[in-house]
Amino acid sequence: MTDESNILKRLNGGDEEAFESLFNSYKERLYLFAIKLVKSDELACDIIHDVFVKVWEIRSQIDCNSNFSSFLHTICKNQIFNLLKQASRREALKLEIIQYMSRNQNTLEEDMYFREYEKIAKEAVNQLPQRRKEVFVMCKFDGKTYNQTASDLGISRNAVKDHIVKASRFIKSYFLKHAEVSI
């Protein structure tokens, strides 16, 4: 049995020193992995904390003979994906609330501007080339991910990204020409 296997066996039994030893051995590597994906020191530290809380919670179920490094990286990756999903949901909810509030608190003049801008936005989207319009609508209106859109249309994720970038530029340019708005 390797040293790490012995430490994992002790962890299975609730040995806090074993836990601390594993934490000290892996925290730097996991931090570097997390910071590459989340680009925030604070978020990366929170994720590492959550990873080790999870390890402690499931300590009795950890296989002493498994590749512990891979196990930790999998937990870390899952924590990052969960964090990104939550952030995405929160951002969508904020946008929905802001849109609802702005629609319900607008004056008559603001309502008129909103309808005009909405009309201009629809015109801009309708002037996009067919494939670009299809990609833009799927991602921005239907809420599909780039990967889902790519799969549905049989194109690459990079092609989807390129369509979105070009569509966004065109719509912004269209707005600048046709509306009294600064984007």
N, C-alpha and C. Protein backbone atom coordinates (compact mmCIF):
# COMPACT_ATOMS: atom_id res chain seq x y z
N MET A 1 0.84 -1.18 0.00
CA MET A 1 0.00 0.00 0.00
C MET A 1 0.89 1.25 0.00
N THR A 2 0.55 2.23 -0.87
CA THR A 2 1.34 3.45 -0.95
C THR A 2 1.02 4.36 0.24
N ASP A 3 1.85 5.38 0.39
CA ASP A 3 1.61 6.36 1.46
C ASP A 3 0.24 7.00 1.30
N GLU A 4 -0.08 7.36 0.04
CA GLU A 4 -1.38 8.00 -0.19
C GLU A 4 -2.52 7.06 0.14
N SER A 5 -2.39 5.78 -0.19
CA SER A 5 -3.42 4.81 0.14
C SER A 5 -3.61 4.73 1.65
N ASN A 6 -2.50 4.76 2.38
CA ASN A 6 -2.59 4.74 3.85
C ASN A 6 -3.30 6.00 4.36
N ILE A 7 -2.96 7.13 3.79
CA ILE A 7 -3.59 8.39 4.19
C ILE A 7 -5.09 8.35 3.88
N LEU A 8 -5.44 7.81 2.71
CA LEU A 8 -6.85 7.70 2.34
C LEU A 8 -7.60 6.75 3.27
N LYS A 9 -6.94 5.68 3.66
CA LYS A 9 -7.56 4.74 4.59
C LYS A 9 -7.83 5.44 5.93
N ARG A 10 -6.86 6.24 6.38
CA ARG A 10 -7.05 6.99 7.63
C ARG A 10 -8.18 8.01 7.47
N LEU A 11 -8.24 8.64 6.27
CA LEU A 11 -9.31 9.60 6.00
C LEU A 11 -10.66 8.90 6.08
N ASN A 12 -10.75 7.69 5.52
CA ASN A 12 -12.00 6.92 5.58
C ASN A 12 -12.51 6.81 7.02
N GLY A 13 -11.59 6.70 7.94
CA GLY A 13 -11.95 6.56 9.35
C GLY A 13 -12.18 7.90 10.05
N GLY A 14 -12.06 9.01 9.34
CA GLY A 14 -12.33 10.32 9.94
C GLY A 14 -11.12 11.00 10.53
N ASP A 15 -9.92 10.58 10.16
CA ASP A 15 -8.68 11.16 10.69
C ASP A 15 -8.46 12.55 10.09
N GLU A 16 -8.55 13.58 10.96
CA GLU A 16 -8.41 14.96 10.50
C GLU A 16 -6.99 15.28 10.03
N GLU A 17 -6.00 14.64 10.61
CA GLU A 17 -4.61 14.87 10.17
C GLU A 17 -4.41 14.34 8.75
N ALA A 18 -5.04 13.21 8.44
CA ALA A 18 -4.97 12.66 7.08
C ALA A 18 -5.62 13.63 6.10
N PHE A 19 -6.77 14.16 6.51
CA PHE A 19 -7.47 15.14 5.68
C PHE A 19 -6.59 16.36 5.43
N GLU A 20 -5.98 16.87 6.49
CA GLU A 20 -5.11 18.05 6.37
C GLU A 20 -3.91 17.76 5.48
N SER A 21 -3.38 16.56 5.58
CA SER A 21 -2.24 16.18 4.74
C SER A 21 -2.64 16.18 3.26
N LEU A 22 -3.81 15.62 2.96
CA LEU A 22 -4.28 15.61 1.57
C LEU A 22 -4.58 17.03 1.08
N PHE A 23 -5.18 17.82 1.95
CA PHE A 23 -5.47 19.21 1.59
C PHE A 23 -4.18 19.94 1.22
N ASN A 24 -3.17 19.81 2.07
CA ASN A 24 -1.90 20.49 1.82
C ASN A 24 -1.19 19.97 0.58
N SER A 25 -1.39 18.70 0.27
CA SER A 25 -0.75 18.10 -0.91
C SER A 25 -1.40 18.55 -2.22
N TYR A 26 -2.70 18.79 -2.19
CA TYR A 26 -3.43 19.02 -3.44
C TYR A 26 -3.97 20.43 -3.64
N LYS A 27 -3.99 21.25 -2.61
CA LYS A 27 -4.65 22.56 -2.74
C LYS A 27 -4.05 23.43 -3.84
N GLU A 28 -2.71 23.43 -3.96
CA GLU A 28 -2.05 24.27 -4.98
C GLU A 28 -2.43 23.83 -6.39
N ARG A 29 -2.35 22.51 -6.64
CA ARG A 29 -2.67 21.99 -7.98
C ARG A 29 -4.12 22.26 -8.35
N LEU A 30 -5.01 22.06 -7.38
CA LEU A 30 -6.43 22.31 -7.67
C LEU A 30 -6.70 23.79 -7.89
N TYR A 31 -6.01 24.62 -7.12
CA TYR A 31 -6.17 26.07 -7.29
C TYR A 31 -5.76 26.47 -8.72
N LEU A 32 -4.62 25.98 -9.18
CA LEU A 32 -4.16 26.31 -10.54
C LEU A 32 -5.14 25.83 -11.59
N PHE A 33 -5.72 24.65 -11.36
CA PHE A 33 -6.73 24.12 -12.27
C PHE A 33 -7.97 25.02 -12.27
N ALA A 34 -8.42 25.40 -11.09
CA ALA A 34 -9.64 26.21 -10.96
C ALA A 34 -9.44 27.62 -11.51
N ILE A 35 -8.31 28.23 -11.22
CA ILE A 35 -8.09 29.63 -11.63
C ILE A 35 -8.05 29.75 -13.15
N LYS A 36 -7.59 28.70 -13.83
CA LYS A 36 -7.58 28.71 -15.30
C LYS A 36 -8.99 28.82 -15.86
N LEU A 37 -9.94 28.20 -15.15
CA LEU A 37 -11.31 28.17 -15.66
C LEU A 37 -12.17 29.33 -15.18
N VAL A 38 -12.00 29.76 -13.94
CA VAL A 38 -12.89 30.80 -13.41
C VAL A 38 -12.28 32.20 -13.44
N LYS A 39 -10.97 32.29 -13.61
CA LYS A 39 -10.27 33.57 -13.76
C LYS A 39 -10.49 34.53 -12.58
N SER A 40 -10.74 33.97 -11.41
CA SER A 40 -10.96 34.80 -10.22
C SER A 40 -10.34 34.09 -9.02
N ASP A 41 -9.46 34.80 -8.34
CA ASP A 41 -8.80 34.23 -7.17
C ASP A 41 -9.82 33.84 -6.10
N GLU A 42 -10.76 34.74 -5.84
CA GLU A 42 -11.76 34.48 -4.80
C GLU A 42 -12.62 33.27 -5.15
N LEU A 43 -13.09 33.19 -6.39
CA LEU A 43 -13.90 32.05 -6.81
C LEU A 43 -13.10 30.75 -6.77
N ALA A 44 -11.85 30.81 -7.22
CA ALA A 44 -11.01 29.61 -7.21
C ALA A 44 -10.81 29.11 -5.77
N CYS A 45 -10.56 30.03 -4.85
CA CYS A 45 -10.40 29.63 -3.43
C CYS A 45 -11.69 29.03 -2.88
N ASP A 46 -12.83 29.64 -3.23
CA ASP A 46 -14.13 29.10 -2.79
C ASP A 46 -14.35 27.70 -3.33
N ILE A 47 -13.99 27.49 -4.58
CA ILE A 47 -14.18 26.18 -5.20
C ILE A 47 -13.31 25.14 -4.51
N ILE A 48 -12.05 25.48 -4.24
CA ILE A 48 -11.15 24.54 -3.56
C ILE A 48 -11.72 24.20 -2.18
N HIS A 49 -12.22 25.21 -1.49
CA HIS A 49 -12.85 24.97 -0.19
C HIS A 49 -14.01 23.98 -0.34
N ASP A 50 -14.89 24.23 -1.32
CA ASP A 50 -16.04 23.36 -1.55
C ASP A 50 -15.62 21.93 -1.91
N VAL A 51 -14.54 21.81 -2.69
CA VAL A 51 -14.05 20.48 -3.07
C VAL A 51 -13.66 19.70 -1.81
N PHE A 52 -12.92 20.34 -0.93
CA PHE A 52 -12.47 19.63 0.26
C PHE A 52 -13.58 19.42 1.28
N VAL A 53 -14.57 20.28 1.30
CA VAL A 53 -15.75 20.02 2.13
C VAL A 53 -16.44 18.76 1.61
N LYS A 54 -16.56 18.65 0.30
CA LYS A 54 -17.17 17.47 -0.32
C LYS A 54 -16.36 16.21 0.02
N VAL A 55 -15.04 16.31 -0.06
CA VAL A 55 -14.18 15.17 0.27
C VAL A 55 -14.44 14.73 1.71
N TRP A 56 -14.51 15.70 2.61
CA TRP A 56 -14.76 15.35 4.02
C TRP A 56 -16.13 14.70 4.18
N GLU A 57 -17.13 15.22 3.49
CA GLU A 57 -18.48 14.68 3.61
C GLU A 57 -18.58 13.24 3.11
N ILE A 58 -17.81 12.90 2.08
CA ILE A 58 -17.91 11.54 1.50
C ILE A 58 -16.67 10.70 1.81
N ARG A 59 -15.92 11.10 2.82
CA ARG A 59 -14.64 10.45 3.15
C ARG A 59 -14.76 8.94 3.32
N SER A 60 -15.86 8.47 3.89
CA SER A 60 -15.98 7.02 4.14
C SER A 60 -16.23 6.24 2.85
N GLN A 61 -16.59 6.93 1.78
CA GLN A 61 -16.90 6.27 0.50
C GLN A 61 -15.73 6.30 -0.48
N ILE A 62 -14.66 6.98 -0.13
CA ILE A 62 -13.53 7.14 -1.05
C ILE A 62 -12.75 5.83 -1.14
N ASP A 63 -12.49 5.39 -2.35
CA ASP A 63 -11.72 4.17 -2.60
C ASP A 63 -10.24 4.46 -2.37
N CYS A 64 -9.67 3.75 -1.42
CA CYS A 64 -8.25 3.98 -1.05
C CYS A 64 -7.29 3.63 -2.18
N ASN A 65 -7.73 2.82 -3.13
CA ASN A 65 -6.84 2.37 -4.21
C ASN A 65 -7.08 3.12 -5.52
N SER A 66 -7.99 4.11 -5.48
CA SER A 66 -8.29 4.86 -6.71
C SER A 66 -7.25 5.96 -6.92
N ASN A 67 -7.32 6.56 -8.09
CA ASN A 67 -6.45 7.69 -8.40
C ASN A 67 -7.08 8.93 -7.75
N PHE A 68 -6.58 9.29 -6.60
CA PHE A 68 -7.17 10.37 -5.82
C PHE A 68 -7.06 11.72 -6.53
N SER A 69 -5.98 11.94 -7.23
CA SER A 69 -5.80 13.19 -7.97
C SER A 69 -6.90 13.36 -9.01
N SER A 70 -7.19 12.32 -9.78
CA SER A 70 -8.26 12.37 -10.78
C SER A 70 -9.61 12.59 -10.11
N PHE A 71 -9.81 11.93 -9.00
CA PHE A 71 -11.04 12.06 -8.23
C PHE A 71 -11.24 13.52 -7.81
N LEU A 72 -10.19 14.14 -7.26
CA LEU A 72 -10.28 15.54 -6.84
C LEU A 72 -10.54 16.47 -8.02
N HIS A 73 -9.86 16.23 -9.12
CA HIS A 73 -10.05 17.09 -10.30
C HIS A 73 -11.48 16.96 -10.84
N THR A 74 -12.05 15.77 -10.76
CA THR A 74 -13.43 15.58 -11.20
C THR A 74 -14.38 16.37 -10.31
N ILE A 75 -14.18 16.29 -9.00
CA ILE A 75 -15.02 17.06 -8.07
C ILE A 75 -14.85 18.55 -8.36
N CYS A 76 -13.62 18.99 -8.56
CA CYS A 76 -13.33 20.40 -8.82
C CYS A 76 -14.03 20.86 -10.10
N LYS A 77 -13.92 20.06 -11.15
CA LYS A 77 -14.55 20.40 -12.43
C LYS A 77 -16.07 20.50 -12.25
N ASN A 78 -16.65 19.56 -11.51
CA ASN A 78 -18.09 19.59 -11.27
C ASN A 78 -18.51 20.82 -10.46
N GLN A 79 -17.71 21.19 -9.48
CA GLN A 79 -18.00 22.39 -8.68
C GLN A 79 -17.97 23.64 -9.57
N ILE A 80 -17.00 23.69 -10.47
CA ILE A 80 -16.89 24.84 -11.38
C ILE A 80 -18.10 24.90 -12.30
N PHE A 81 -18.49 23.76 -12.88
CA PHE A 81 -19.66 23.74 -13.76
C PHE A 81 -20.92 24.15 -13.02
N ASN A 82 -21.07 23.67 -11.78
CA ASN A 82 -22.24 24.05 -10.99
C ASN A 82 -22.25 25.55 -10.71
N LEU A 83 -21.08 26.08 -10.39
CA LEU A 83 -20.97 27.52 -10.14
C LEU A 83 -21.34 28.32 -11.39
N LEU A 84 -20.83 27.90 -12.54
CA LEU A 84 -21.13 28.60 -13.78
C LEU A 84 -22.62 28.51 -14.14
N LYS A 85 -23.23 27.34 -13.89
CA LYS A 85 -24.67 27.20 -14.14
C LYS A 85 -25.47 28.14 -13.25
N GLN A 86 -25.10 28.18 -11.97
CA GLN A 86 -25.81 29.06 -11.03
C GLN A 86 -25.65 30.52 -11.44
N ALA A 87 -24.45 30.90 -11.83
CA ALA A 87 -24.21 32.29 -12.25
C ALA A 87 -25.04 32.62 -13.48
N SER A 88 -25.11 31.68 -14.40
CA SER A 88 -25.89 31.89 -15.62
C SER A 88 -27.38 32.06 -15.29
N ARG A 89 -27.88 31.22 -14.39
CA ARG A 89 -29.29 31.32 -14.00
C ARG A 89 -29.56 32.65 -13.30
N ARG A 90 -28.65 33.05 -12.40
CA ARG A 90 -28.82 34.31 -11.68
C ARG A 90 -28.83 35.49 -12.65
N GLU A 91 -27.93 35.44 -13.64
CA GLU A 91 -27.85 36.53 -14.61
C GLU A 91 -29.13 36.58 -15.45
N ALA A 92 -29.63 35.43 -15.85
CA ALA A 92 -30.87 35.39 -16.63
C ALA A 92 -32.04 35.90 -15.80
N LEU A 93 -32.09 35.52 -14.53
CA LEU A 93 -33.16 35.99 -13.66
C LEU A 93 -33.08 37.50 -13.46
N LYS A 94 -31.86 38.01 -13.24
CA LYS A 94 -31.69 39.46 -13.09
C LYS A 94 -32.20 40.19 -14.34
N LEU A 95 -31.82 39.69 -15.50
CA LEU A 95 -32.23 40.31 -16.75
C LEU A 95 -33.76 40.29 -16.88
N GLU A 96 -34.36 39.16 -16.52
CA GLU A 96 -35.81 39.04 -16.60
C GLU A 96 -36.49 40.04 -15.65
N ILE A 97 -35.98 40.17 -14.44
CA ILE A 97 -36.55 41.11 -13.47
C ILE A 97 -36.40 42.54 -13.97
N ILE A 98 -35.22 42.87 -14.47
CA ILE A 98 -34.98 44.22 -14.97
C ILE A 98 -35.92 44.53 -16.13
N GLN A 99 -36.07 43.57 -17.04
CA GLN A 99 -36.97 43.79 -18.17
C GLN A 99 -38.41 43.97 -17.70
N TYR A 100 -38.82 43.14 -16.75
CA TYR A 100 -40.18 43.24 -16.22
C TYR A 100 -40.39 44.60 -15.55
N MET A 101 -39.44 44.98 -14.71
CA MET A 101 -39.57 46.26 -14.00
C MET A 101 -39.57 47.43 -14.96
N SER A 102 -38.69 47.38 -15.94
CA SER A 102 -38.63 48.51 -16.87
C SER A 102 -39.90 48.61 -17.70
N ARG A 103 -40.48 47.47 -18.04
CA ARG A 103 -41.73 47.50 -18.80
C ARG A 103 -42.88 48.05 -17.96
N ASN A 104 -42.88 47.73 -16.68
CA ASN A 104 -43.99 48.14 -15.83
C ASN A 104 -43.81 49.53 -15.24
N GLN A 105 -42.63 50.11 -15.29
CA GLN A 105 -42.42 51.43 -14.70
C GLN A 105 -42.17 52.51 -15.74
N ASN A 106 -42.23 52.14 -16.97
CA ASN A 106 -41.94 53.12 -18.02
C ASN A 106 -43.08 54.11 -18.16
N THR A 107 -42.70 55.30 -18.53
CA THR A 107 -43.71 56.29 -18.89
C THR A 107 -44.19 55.97 -20.30
N LEU A 108 -45.19 56.67 -20.72
CA LEU A 108 -45.72 56.47 -22.07
C LEU A 108 -44.63 56.68 -23.11
N GLU A 109 -43.82 57.74 -22.90
CA GLU A 109 -42.74 58.03 -23.85
C GLU A 109 -41.71 56.90 -23.88
N GLU A 110 -41.37 56.38 -22.70
CA GLU A 110 -40.40 55.27 -22.64
C GLU A 110 -40.95 54.02 -23.31
N ASP A 111 -42.25 53.78 -23.11
CA ASP A 111 -42.89 52.64 -23.77
C ASP A 111 -42.80 52.78 -25.29
N MET A 112 -43.00 54.00 -25.76
CA MET A 112 -42.94 54.24 -27.19
C MET A 112 -41.52 53.97 -27.71
N TYR A 113 -40.50 54.46 -26.97
CA TYR A 113 -39.11 54.20 -27.36
C TYR A 113 -38.81 52.70 -27.32
N PHE A 114 -39.28 52.04 -26.29
CA PHE A 114 -39.02 50.60 -26.15
C PHE A 114 -39.59 49.85 -27.36
N ARG A 115 -40.84 50.16 -27.70
CA ARG A 115 -41.46 49.48 -28.86
C ARG A 115 -40.69 49.79 -30.15
N GLU A 116 -40.24 51.04 -30.28
CA GLU A 116 -39.46 51.42 -31.47
C GLU A 116 -38.14 50.65 -31.53
N TYR A 117 -37.44 50.57 -30.39
CA TYR A 117 -36.17 49.84 -30.34
C TYR A 117 -36.38 48.35 -30.59
N GLU A 118 -37.46 47.82 -30.06
CA GLU A 118 -37.78 46.41 -30.27
C GLU A 118 -38.03 46.15 -31.76
N LYS A 119 -38.75 47.08 -32.38
CA LYS A 119 -39.03 46.97 -33.82
C LYS A 119 -37.73 47.01 -34.62
N ILE A 120 -36.84 47.94 -34.25
CA ILE A 120 -35.55 48.06 -34.94
C ILE A 120 -34.72 46.80 -34.75
N ALA A 121 -34.75 46.26 -33.53
CA ALA A 121 -34.00 45.03 -33.25
C ALA A 121 -34.52 43.88 -34.11
N LYS A 122 -35.84 43.75 -34.23
CA LYS A 122 -36.42 42.70 -35.07
C LYS A 122 -36.04 42.89 -36.54
N GLU A 123 -36.06 44.15 -36.97
CA GLU A 123 -35.66 44.44 -38.36
C GLU A 123 -34.20 44.03 -38.57
N ALA A 124 -33.36 44.36 -37.61
CA ALA A 124 -31.93 44.02 -37.73
C ALA A 124 -31.75 42.51 -37.80
N VAL A 125 -32.43 41.79 -36.92
CA VAL A 125 -32.32 40.32 -36.92
C VAL A 125 -32.83 39.76 -38.24
N ASN A 126 -33.92 40.31 -38.74
CA ASN A 126 -34.49 39.83 -40.00
C ASN A 126 -33.60 40.10 -41.21
N GLN A 127 -32.67 41.06 -41.08
CA GLN A 127 -31.78 41.35 -42.19
C GLN A 127 -30.51 40.50 -42.18
N LEU A 128 -30.34 39.71 -41.14
CA LEU A 128 -29.18 38.82 -41.09
C LEU A 128 -29.30 37.74 -42.16
N PRO A 129 -28.17 37.24 -42.66
CA PRO A 129 -28.24 36.09 -43.57
C PRO A 129 -28.97 34.93 -42.86
N GLN A 130 -29.63 34.10 -43.60
CA GLN A 130 -30.51 33.08 -43.04
C GLN A 130 -29.83 32.23 -41.97
N ARG A 131 -28.66 31.67 -42.25
CA ARG A 131 -27.98 30.79 -41.28
C ARG A 131 -27.60 31.57 -40.03
N ARG A 132 -27.10 32.79 -40.21
CA ARG A 132 -26.70 33.62 -39.07
C ARG A 132 -27.91 33.96 -38.21
N LYS A 133 -29.03 34.27 -38.87
CA LYS A 133 -30.27 34.57 -38.15
C LYS A 133 -30.71 33.35 -37.36
N GLU A 134 -30.65 32.20 -37.98
CA GLU A 134 -31.05 30.95 -37.33
C GLU A 134 -30.19 30.68 -36.09
N VAL A 135 -28.88 30.85 -36.22
CA VAL A 135 -27.96 30.65 -35.10
C VAL A 135 -28.24 31.66 -33.99
N PHE A 136 -28.41 32.92 -34.36
CA PHE A 136 -28.65 33.99 -33.39
C PHE A 136 -29.94 33.74 -32.61
N VAL A 137 -31.00 33.40 -33.32
CA VAL A 137 -32.29 33.15 -32.67
C VAL A 137 -32.20 31.96 -31.72
N MET A 138 -31.54 30.90 -32.16
CA MET A 138 -31.41 29.71 -31.30
C MET A 138 -30.64 30.03 -30.02
N CYS A 139 -29.56 30.78 -30.15
CA CYS A 139 -28.72 31.08 -28.96
C CYS A 139 -29.31 32.17 -28.09
N LYS A 140 -29.79 33.24 -28.70
CA LYS A 140 -30.19 34.42 -27.92
C LYS A 140 -31.67 34.44 -27.54
N PHE A 141 -32.52 33.88 -28.36
CA PHE A 141 -33.94 33.90 -28.04
C PHE A 141 -34.43 32.57 -27.48
N ASP A 142 -33.93 31.47 -28.05
CA ASP A 142 -34.38 30.15 -27.58
C ASP A 142 -33.56 29.65 -26.40
N GLY A 143 -32.44 30.32 -26.09
CA GLY A 143 -31.65 29.97 -24.92
C GLY A 143 -30.77 28.73 -25.09
N LYS A 144 -30.52 28.33 -26.32
CA LYS A 144 -29.67 27.16 -26.53
C LYS A 144 -28.19 27.53 -26.38
N THR A 145 -27.41 26.57 -25.95
CA THR A 145 -25.97 26.80 -25.84
C THR A 145 -25.35 26.73 -27.23
N TYR A 146 -24.11 27.20 -27.32
CA TYR A 146 -23.40 27.11 -28.60
C TYR A 146 -23.29 25.64 -29.03
N ASN A 147 -23.00 24.76 -28.09
CA ASN A 147 -22.85 23.34 -28.42
C ASN A 147 -24.17 22.74 -28.91
N GLN A 148 -25.28 23.08 -28.25
CA GLN A 148 -26.58 22.57 -28.68
C GLN A 148 -26.92 23.07 -30.08
N THR A 149 -26.68 24.35 -30.29
CA THR A 149 -26.97 24.95 -31.60
C THR A 149 -26.11 24.30 -32.69
N ALA A 150 -24.82 24.12 -32.39
CA ALA A 150 -23.91 23.50 -33.35
C ALA A 150 -24.40 22.10 -33.70
N SER A 151 -24.78 21.34 -32.69
CA SER A 151 -25.26 19.98 -32.91
C SER A 151 -26.55 19.97 -33.73
N ASP A 152 -27.50 20.83 -33.38
CA ASP A 152 -28.78 20.89 -34.10
C ASP A 152 -28.61 21.28 -35.56
N LEU A 153 -27.64 22.16 -35.83
CA LEU A 153 -27.46 22.65 -37.20
C LEU A 153 -26.37 21.91 -37.98
N GLY A 154 -25.64 21.03 -37.28
CA GLY A 154 -24.59 20.27 -37.95
C GLY A 154 -23.40 21.13 -38.33
N ILE A 155 -23.09 22.12 -37.49
CA ILE A 155 -21.93 22.97 -37.73
C ILE A 155 -21.05 22.95 -36.48
N SER A 156 -19.86 23.52 -36.57
CA SER A 156 -18.95 23.51 -35.43
C SER A 156 -19.34 24.59 -34.42
N ARG A 157 -18.88 24.40 -33.19
CA ARG A 157 -19.11 25.38 -32.13
C ARG A 157 -18.47 26.72 -32.52
N ASN A 158 -17.28 26.65 -33.14
CA ASN A 158 -16.61 27.88 -33.57
C ASN A 158 -17.41 28.62 -34.64
N ALA A 159 -18.08 27.88 -35.50
CA ALA A 159 -18.93 28.51 -36.52
C ALA A 159 -20.09 29.23 -35.84
N VAL A 160 -20.66 28.60 -34.80
CA VAL A 160 -21.74 29.23 -34.05
C VAL A 160 -21.24 30.53 -33.42
N LYS A 161 -20.09 30.44 -32.78
CA LYS A 161 -19.50 31.62 -32.12
C LYS A 161 -19.26 32.73 -33.14
N ASP A 162 -18.73 32.38 -34.30
CA ASP A 162 -18.46 33.35 -35.35
C ASP A 162 -19.77 34.02 -35.81
N HIS A 163 -20.82 33.23 -35.98
CA HIS A 163 -22.12 33.78 -36.38
C HIS A 163 -22.64 34.75 -35.32
N ILE A 164 -22.51 34.40 -34.05
CA ILE A 164 -23.00 35.25 -32.97
C ILE A 164 -22.24 36.57 -32.94
N VAL A 165 -20.92 36.49 -33.05
CA VAL A 165 -20.10 37.71 -33.04
C VAL A 165 -20.49 38.62 -34.20
N LYS A 166 -20.59 38.05 -35.39
CA LYS A 166 -20.91 38.86 -36.57
C LYS A 166 -22.34 39.40 -36.50
N ALA A 167 -23.27 38.59 -36.00
CA ALA A 167 -24.65 39.05 -35.86
C ALA A 167 -24.73 40.19 -34.85
N SER A 168 -24.04 40.05 -33.74
CA SER A 168 -24.05 41.11 -32.71
C SER A 168 -23.48 42.41 -33.26
N ARG A 169 -22.39 42.30 -34.00
CA ARG A 169 -21.80 43.51 -34.60
C ARG A 169 -22.77 44.18 -35.57
N PHE A 170 -23.41 43.35 -36.39
CA PHE A 170 -24.35 43.89 -37.37
C PHE A 170 -25.52 44.57 -36.67
N ILE A 171 -26.07 43.92 -35.65
CA ILE A 171 -27.23 44.48 -34.95
C ILE A 171 -26.85 45.79 -34.26
N LYS A 172 -25.69 45.84 -33.66
CA LYS A 172 -25.22 47.07 -33.02
C LYS A 172 -25.10 48.18 -34.07
N SER A 173 -24.47 47.86 -35.19
CA SER A 173 -24.31 48.83 -36.26
C SER A 173 -25.67 49.29 -36.79
N TYR A 174 -26.59 48.37 -36.93
CA TYR A 174 -27.94 48.68 -37.42
C TYR A 174 -28.63 49.64 -36.45
N PHE A 175 -28.49 49.36 -35.17
CA PHE A 175 -29.08 50.23 -34.15
C PHE A 175 -28.49 51.63 -34.24
N LEU A 176 -27.17 51.72 -34.38
CA LEU A 176 -26.53 53.03 -34.43
C LEU A 176 -27.03 53.85 -35.64
N LYS A 177 -27.36 53.17 -36.72
CA LYS A 177 -27.84 53.87 -37.91
C LYS A 177 -29.31 54.22 -37.84
N HIS A 178 -30.11 53.40 -37.14
CA HIS A 178 -31.56 53.54 -37.21
C HIS A 178 -32.25 53.99 -35.93
N ALA A 179 -31.50 54.17 -34.87
CA ALA A 179 -32.15 54.56 -33.62
C ALA A 179 -31.32 55.61 -32.90
N GLU A 180 -31.98 56.32 -32.04
CA GLU A 180 -31.29 57.31 -31.21
C GLU A 180 -30.90 56.62 -29.90
N VAL A 181 -29.94 55.72 -30.00
CA VAL A 181 -29.50 54.97 -28.83
C VAL A 181 -27.99 54.81 -28.88
N SER A 182 -27.38 54.82 -27.73
CA SER A 182 -25.93 54.55 -27.69
C SER A 182 -25.73 53.20 -27.03
N ILE A 183 -25.01 52.34 -27.74
CA ILE A 183 -24.77 50.97 -27.25
C ILE A 183 -23.36 50.88 -26.75
